[in-house]
Amino acid sequence: MAVTFEAQIISPDKVLFSGPAEMLACRTKVGEIAFYANHVPLVGALDVCKVRVLGEDGHESVFGVKSGFVEVVNNTVTLLTDMAFPKEEITPELVDKVRSLALSPDSEQDGSDLRMGAIGREESSAGSTSGNTELVGDNMNGISDSADRLVEDRRWLALLEELSGN
């Protein structure tokens, strides 16, 4: 009998996976990692990635994950994600919706992007009025953040296209 650990993949709206696993593989911001039973404690930030879970029965479950965190403690691996889909739920219609929102030039202004809840993340704005230098710095950070989000959205779209077979 294989040695297992408890694996969980949790999104804001549901638990996508919960059960014994022999292996869970994902990508963090610092690289690929695979977890097996009795892994040392770890906390890491997830990158856009395909997550593979090998169940104790030998069945492999695959998920597309946009971002989040992974925690390993007490022989349990938990992925907390802002957005994820089981491979079986990634349809051409879902990919088309993500494509139209990810490539929309208005997606950040009107809030209709893939950033909150099942399809997106809420933007917060904090302004500074104490001087022009700070305002320029805030604007530059905003541009950098927007560019980073655009890259992440396009990588997310590419992953969904790959998993859907499109």
C-alpha atoms as a PDB file:
ATOM      1  CA  MET A   1       0.000   0.000   0.000  1.00  0.00           C
ATOM      2  CA  ALA A   2       1.305   3.443  -0.965  1.00  0.00           C
ATOM      3  CA  VAL A   3       2.217   6.038   1.640  1.00  0.00           C
ATOM      4  CA  THR A   4      -0.192   8.979   1.355  1.00  0.00           C
ATOM      5  CA  PHE A   5      -0.876  12.432   2.751  1.00  0.00           C
ATOM      6  CA  GLU A   6      -4.019  14.560   2.886  1.00  0.00           C
ATOM      7  CA  ALA A   7      -4.346  16.912  -0.116  1.00  0.00           C
ATOM      8  CA  GLN A   8      -6.766  19.817  -0.463  1.00  0.00           C
ATOM      9  CA  ILE A   9      -7.362  22.307  -3.260  1.00  0.00           C
ATOM     10  CA  ILE A  10      -9.683  25.077  -2.127  1.00  0.00           C
ATOM     11  CA  SER A  11     -11.065  28.017  -4.121  1.00  0.00           C
ATOM     12  CA  PRO A  12     -13.316  30.777  -2.764  1.00  0.00           C
ATOM     13  CA  ASP A  13     -16.487  29.073  -3.974  1.00  0.00           C
ATOM     14  CA  LYS A  14     -15.739  25.372  -3.410  1.00  0.00           C
ATOM     15  CA  VAL A  15     -13.388  22.591  -2.418  1.00  0.00           C
ATOM     16  CA  LEU A  16     -12.021  21.213  -5.684  1.00  0.00           C
ATOM     17  CA  PHE A  17     -10.156  18.263  -4.174  1.00  0.00           C
ATOM     18  CA  SER A  18      -9.933  16.744  -0.729  1.00  0.00           C
ATOM     19  CA  GLY A  19      -8.565  13.309  -0.003  1.00  0.00           C
ATOM     20  CA  PRO A  20      -5.549  11.059   0.281  1.00  0.00           C
ATOM     21  CA  ALA A  21      -2.820  11.473  -2.338  1.00  0.00           C
ATOM     22  CA  GLU A  22       0.512   9.898  -3.157  1.00  0.00           C
ATOM     23  CA  MET A  23       1.839  13.031  -4.887  1.00  0.00           C
ATOM     24  CA  LEU A  24       0.838  16.625  -5.652  1.00  0.00           C
ATOM     25  CA  ALA A  25       2.850  18.668  -8.167  1.00  0.00           C
ATOM     26  CA  CYS A  26       2.543  22.416  -8.792  1.00  0.00           C
ATOM     27  CA  ARG A  27       4.587  25.527  -9.601  1.00  0.00           C
ATOM     28  CA  THR A  28       5.419  28.181  -7.046  1.00  0.00           C
ATOM     29  CA  LYS A  29       6.900  31.597  -7.769  1.00  0.00           C
ATOM     30  CA  VAL A  30      10.348  30.034  -7.290  1.00  0.00           C
ATOM     31  CA  GLY A  31       9.844  26.904  -9.378  1.00  0.00           C
ATOM     32  CA  GLU A  32       8.251  23.493  -9.793  1.00  0.00           C
ATOM     33  CA  ILE A  33       7.727  21.312  -6.723  1.00  0.00           C
ATOM     34  CA  ALA A  34       6.224  17.914  -5.985  1.00  0.00           C
ATOM     35  CA  PHE A  35       4.986  16.899  -2.557  1.00  0.00           C
ATOM     36  CA  TYR A  36       4.971  13.388  -1.153  1.00  0.00           C
ATOM     37  CA  ALA A  37       4.035  12.009   2.266  1.00  0.00           C
ATOM     38  CA  ASN A  38       5.840  13.517   5.252  1.00  0.00           C
ATOM     39  CA  HIS A  39       7.161  16.551   3.350  1.00  0.00           C
ATOM     40  CA  VAL A  40       8.807  19.201   5.500  1.00  0.00           C
ATOM     41  CA  PRO A  41       6.601  22.181   6.448  1.00  0.00           C
ATOM     42  CA  LEU A  42       6.479  24.827   3.735  1.00  0.00           C
ATOM     43  CA  VAL A  43       4.496  27.908   2.688  1.00  0.00           C
ATOM     44  CA  GLY A  44       4.805  29.222  -0.861  1.00  0.00           C
ATOM     45  CA  ALA A  45       3.116  31.498  -3.372  1.00  0.00           C
ATOM     46  CA  LEU A  46       1.619  29.677  -6.360  1.00  0.00           C
ATOM     47  CA  ASP A  47       2.273  30.743  -9.916  1.00  0.00           C
ATOM     48  CA  VAL A  48      -0.113  30.130 -12.831  1.00  0.00           C
ATOM     49  CA  CYS A  49       0.175  26.377 -13.142  1.00  0.00           C
ATOM     50  CA  LYS A  50      -1.194  22.963 -13.885  1.00  0.00           C
ATOM     51  CA  VAL A  51      -1.626  21.074 -10.614  1.00  0.00           C
ATOM     52  CA  ARG A  52      -1.436  17.293 -10.728  1.00  0.00           C
ATOM     53  CA  VAL A  53      -2.699  15.128  -7.885  1.00  0.00           C
ATOM     54  CA  LEU A  54      -1.982  11.409  -7.903  1.00  0.00           C
ATOM     55  CA  GLY A  55      -4.600   9.751  -5.729  1.00  0.00           C
ATOM     56  CA  GLU A  56      -3.970   6.665  -3.634  1.00  0.00           C
ATOM     57  CA  ASP A  57      -5.863   4.627  -6.263  1.00  0.00           C
ATOM     58  CA  GLY A  58      -3.402   5.743  -8.969  1.00  0.00           C
ATOM     59  CA  HIS A  59      -5.912   8.112 -10.630  1.00  0.00           C
ATOM     60  CA  GLU A  60      -4.414  11.471 -11.658  1.00  0.00           C
ATOM     61  CA  SER A  61      -6.550  14.617 -11.235  1.00  0.00           C
ATOM     62  CA  VAL A  62      -5.478  17.773 -13.083  1.00  0.00           C
ATOM     63  CA  PHE A  63      -6.425  21.370 -12.273  1.00  0.00           C
ATOM     64  CA  GLY A  64      -5.665  24.755 -13.794  1.00  0.00           C
ATOM     65  CA  VAL A  65      -4.703  27.208 -11.029  1.00  0.00           C
ATOM     66  CA  LYS A  66      -4.282  30.950 -11.553  1.00  0.00           C
ATOM     67  CA  SER A  67      -2.578  31.877  -8.273  1.00  0.00           C
ATOM     68  CA  GLY A  68      -2.711  31.391  -4.537  1.00  0.00           C
ATOM     69  CA  PHE A  69      -0.704  29.749  -1.795  1.00  0.00           C
ATOM     70  CA  VAL A  70       0.461  26.272  -0.872  1.00  0.00           C
ATOM     71  CA  GLU A  71       0.985  25.180   2.707  1.00  0.00           C
ATOM     72  CA  VAL A  72       2.449  21.909   3.957  1.00  0.00           C
ATOM     73  CA  VAL A  73       1.996  21.034   7.616  1.00  0.00           C
ATOM     74  CA  ASN A  74       1.326  17.813   9.561  1.00  0.00           C
ATOM     75  CA  ASN A  75       1.333  15.598   6.443  1.00  0.00           C
ATOM     76  CA  THR A  76      -1.315  17.791   4.769  1.00  0.00           C
ATOM     77  CA  VAL A  77      -0.787  19.795   1.573  1.00  0.00           C
ATOM     78  CA  THR A  78      -3.311  22.618   1.135  1.00  0.00           C
ATOM     79  CA  LEU A  79      -3.595  24.821  -1.945  1.00  0.00           C
ATOM     80  CA  LEU A  80      -5.637  27.980  -1.392  1.00  0.00           C
ATOM     81  CA  THR A  81      -6.359  29.553  -4.753  1.00  0.00           C
ATOM     82  CA  ASP A  82      -8.239  32.604  -5.943  1.00  0.00           C
ATOM     83  CA  MET A  83      -9.232  30.802  -9.144  1.00  0.00           C
ATOM     84  CA  ALA A  84      -8.965  27.191 -10.278  1.00  0.00           C
ATOM     85  CA  PHE A  85     -10.823  24.720 -12.457  1.00  0.00           C
ATOM     86  CA  PRO A  86     -10.673  20.937 -12.750  1.00  0.00           C
ATOM     87  CA  LYS A  87      -9.481  19.998 -16.231  1.00  0.00           C
ATOM     88  CA  GLU A  88     -12.874  18.405 -16.968  1.00  0.00           C
ATOM     89  CA  GLU A  89     -14.638  21.760 -16.427  1.00  0.00           C
ATOM     90  CA  ILE A  90     -12.389  23.745 -18.781  1.00  0.00           C
ATOM     91  CA  THR A  91     -14.628  24.068 -21.818  1.00  0.00           C
ATOM     92  CA  PRO A  92     -14.105  26.003 -25.049  1.00  0.00           C
ATOM     93  CA  GLU A  93     -16.804  28.419 -23.804  1.00  0.00           C
ATOM     94  CA  LEU A  94     -14.845  29.095 -20.602  1.00  0.00           C
ATOM     95  CA  VAL A  95     -11.650  29.643 -22.593  1.00  0.00           C
ATOM     96  CA  ASP A  96     -13.464  32.050 -24.940  1.00  0.00           C
ATOM     97  CA  LYS A  97     -14.801  34.032 -21.973  1.00  0.00           C
ATOM     98  CA  VAL A  98     -11.346  34.221 -20.379  1.00  0.00           C
ATOM     99  CA  ARG A  99      -9.829  35.210 -23.738  1.00  0.00           C
ATOM    100  CA  SER A 100     -12.295  38.046 -24.311  1.00  0.00           C
ATOM    101  CA  LEU A 101     -11.808  39.398 -20.791  1.00  0.00           C
ATOM    102  CA  ALA A 102      -8.039  38.915 -20.622  1.00  0.00           C
ATOM    103  CA  LEU A 103      -7.486  40.681 -23.931  1.00  0.00           C
ATOM    104  CA  SER A 104     -10.049  43.436 -23.346  1.00  0.00           C
ATOM    105  CA  PRO A 105      -8.449  46.880 -23.029  1.00  0.00           C
ATOM    106  CA  ASP A 106     -11.310  47.913 -20.714  1.00  0.00           C
ATOM    107  CA  SER A 107     -11.066  44.933 -18.354  1.00  0.00           C
ATOM    108  CA  GLU A 108      -9.327  46.853 -15.561  1.00  0.00           C
ATOM    109  CA  GLN A 109     -11.512  49.944 -15.707  1.00  0.00           C
ATOM    110  CA  ASP A 110     -14.955  48.349 -15.719  1.00  0.00           C
ATOM    111  CA  GLY A 111     -14.248  45.477 -13.322  1.00  0.00           C
ATOM    112  CA  SER A 112     -15.479  42.852 -15.810  1.00  0.00           C
ATOM    113  CA  ASP A 113     -12.224  40.960 -15.825  1.00  0.00           C
ATOM    114  CA  LEU A 114     -11.192  37.608 -14.427  1.00  0.00           C
ATOM    115  CA  ARG A 115     -10.022  38.909 -11.101  1.00  0.00           C
ATOM    116  CA  MET A 116     -12.777  38.439  -8.464  1.00  0.00           C
ATOM    117  CA  GLY A 117     -14.639  35.432  -7.110  1.00  0.00           C
ATOM    118  CA  ALA A 118     -15.093  32.654  -9.630  1.00  0.00           C
ATOM    119  CA  ILE A 119     -13.611  34.864 -12.342  1.00  0.00           C
ATOM    120  CA  GLY A 120     -11.557  37.694 -10.820  1.00  0.00           C
ATOM    121  CA  ARG A 121      -9.777  39.718  -8.163  1.00  0.00           C
ATOM    122  CA  GLU A 122     -10.967  42.981  -6.630  1.00  0.00           C
ATOM    123  CA  GLU A 123      -8.781  45.965  -7.235  1.00  0.00           C
ATOM    124  CA  SER A 124      -7.928  48.285  -4.370  1.00  0.00           C
ATOM    125  CA  SER A 125      -6.815  51.838  -4.861  1.00  0.00           C
ATOM    126  CA  ALA A 126      -4.781  53.897  -2.492  1.00  0.00           C
ATOM    127  CA  GLY A 127      -3.813  57.420  -3.534  1.00  0.00           C
ATOM    128  CA  SER A 128      -1.249  59.774  -2.124  1.00  0.00           C
ATOM    129  CA  THR A 129      -1.681  63.517  -2.096  1.00  0.00           C
ATOM    130  CA  SER A 130       1.440  64.539  -0.235  1.00  0.00           C
ATOM    131  CA  GLY A 131       3.519  65.477  -3.281  1.00  0.00           C
ATOM    132  CA  ASN A 132       4.094  65.098  -7.005  1.00  0.00           C
ATOM    133  CA  THR A 133       7.044  62.751  -6.509  1.00  0.00           C
ATOM    134  CA  GLU A 134       4.866  60.300  -4.600  1.00  0.00           C
ATOM    135  CA  LEU A 135       2.106  60.549  -7.195  1.00  0.00           C
ATOM    136  CA  VAL A 136       4.555  59.746  -9.972  1.00  0.00           C
ATOM    137  CA  GLY A 137       5.860  56.797  -7.945  1.00  0.00           C
ATOM    138  CA  ASP A 138       2.299  55.559  -7.351  1.00  0.00           C
ATOM    139  CA  ASN A 139       1.524  55.872 -11.059  1.00  0.00           C
ATOM    140  CA  MET A 140       4.662  53.957 -12.014  1.00  0.00           C
ATOM    141  CA  ASN A 141       3.787  51.188  -9.548  1.00  0.00           C
ATOM    142  CA  GLY A 142       0.279  51.081 -11.012  1.00  0.00           C
ATOM    143  CA  ILE A 143       1.684  50.685 -14.524  1.00  0.00           C
ATOM    144  CA  SER A 144       3.981  47.901 -13.369  1.00  0.00           C
ATOM    145  CA  ASP A 145       1.133  46.157 -11.509  1.00  0.00           C
ATOM    146  CA  SER A 146      -1.100  46.399 -14.584  1.00  0.00           C
ATOM    147  CA  ALA A 147       1.611  44.953 -16.814  1.00  0.00           C
ATOM    148  CA  ASP A 148       2.196  42.109 -14.334  1.00  0.00           C
ATOM    149  CA  ARG A 149      -1.541  41.346 -14.237  1.00  0.00           C
ATOM    150  CA  LEU A 150      -1.730  41.385 -18.031  1.00  0.00           C
ATOM    151  CA  VAL A 151       1.140  38.891 -18.265  1.00  0.00           C
ATOM    152  CA  GLU A 152      -0.476  36.705 -15.594  1.00  0.00           C
ATOM    153  CA  ASP A 153      -3.845  36.849 -17.416  1.00  0.00           C
ATOM    154  CA  ARG A 154      -2.244  35.800 -20.702  1.00  0.00           C
ATOM    155  CA  ARG A 155      -0.358  32.940 -19.013  1.00  0.00           C
ATOM    156  CA  TRP A 156      -3.653  31.889 -17.373  1.00  0.00           C
ATOM    157  CA  LEU A 157      -5.359  31.949 -20.773  1.00  0.00           C
ATOM    158  CA  ALA A 158      -2.552  29.859 -22.317  1.00  0.00           C
ATOM    159  CA  LEU A 159      -2.849  27.276 -19.540  1.00  0.00           C
ATOM    160  CA  LEU A 160      -6.629  27.027 -19.953  1.00  0.00           C
ATOM    161  CA  GLU A 161      -6.221  26.642 -23.724  1.00  0.00           C
ATOM    162  CA  GLU A 162      -3.698  23.835 -23.136  1.00  0.00           C
ATOM    163  CA  LEU A 163      -5.924  22.020 -20.638  1.00  0.00           C
ATOM    164  CA  SER A 164      -9.042  22.366 -22.805  1.00  0.00           C
ATOM    165  CA  GLY A 165      -7.267  20.991 -25.868  1.00  0.00           C
ATOM    166  CA  ASN A 166      -7.894  24.226 -27.860  1.00  0.00           C
END
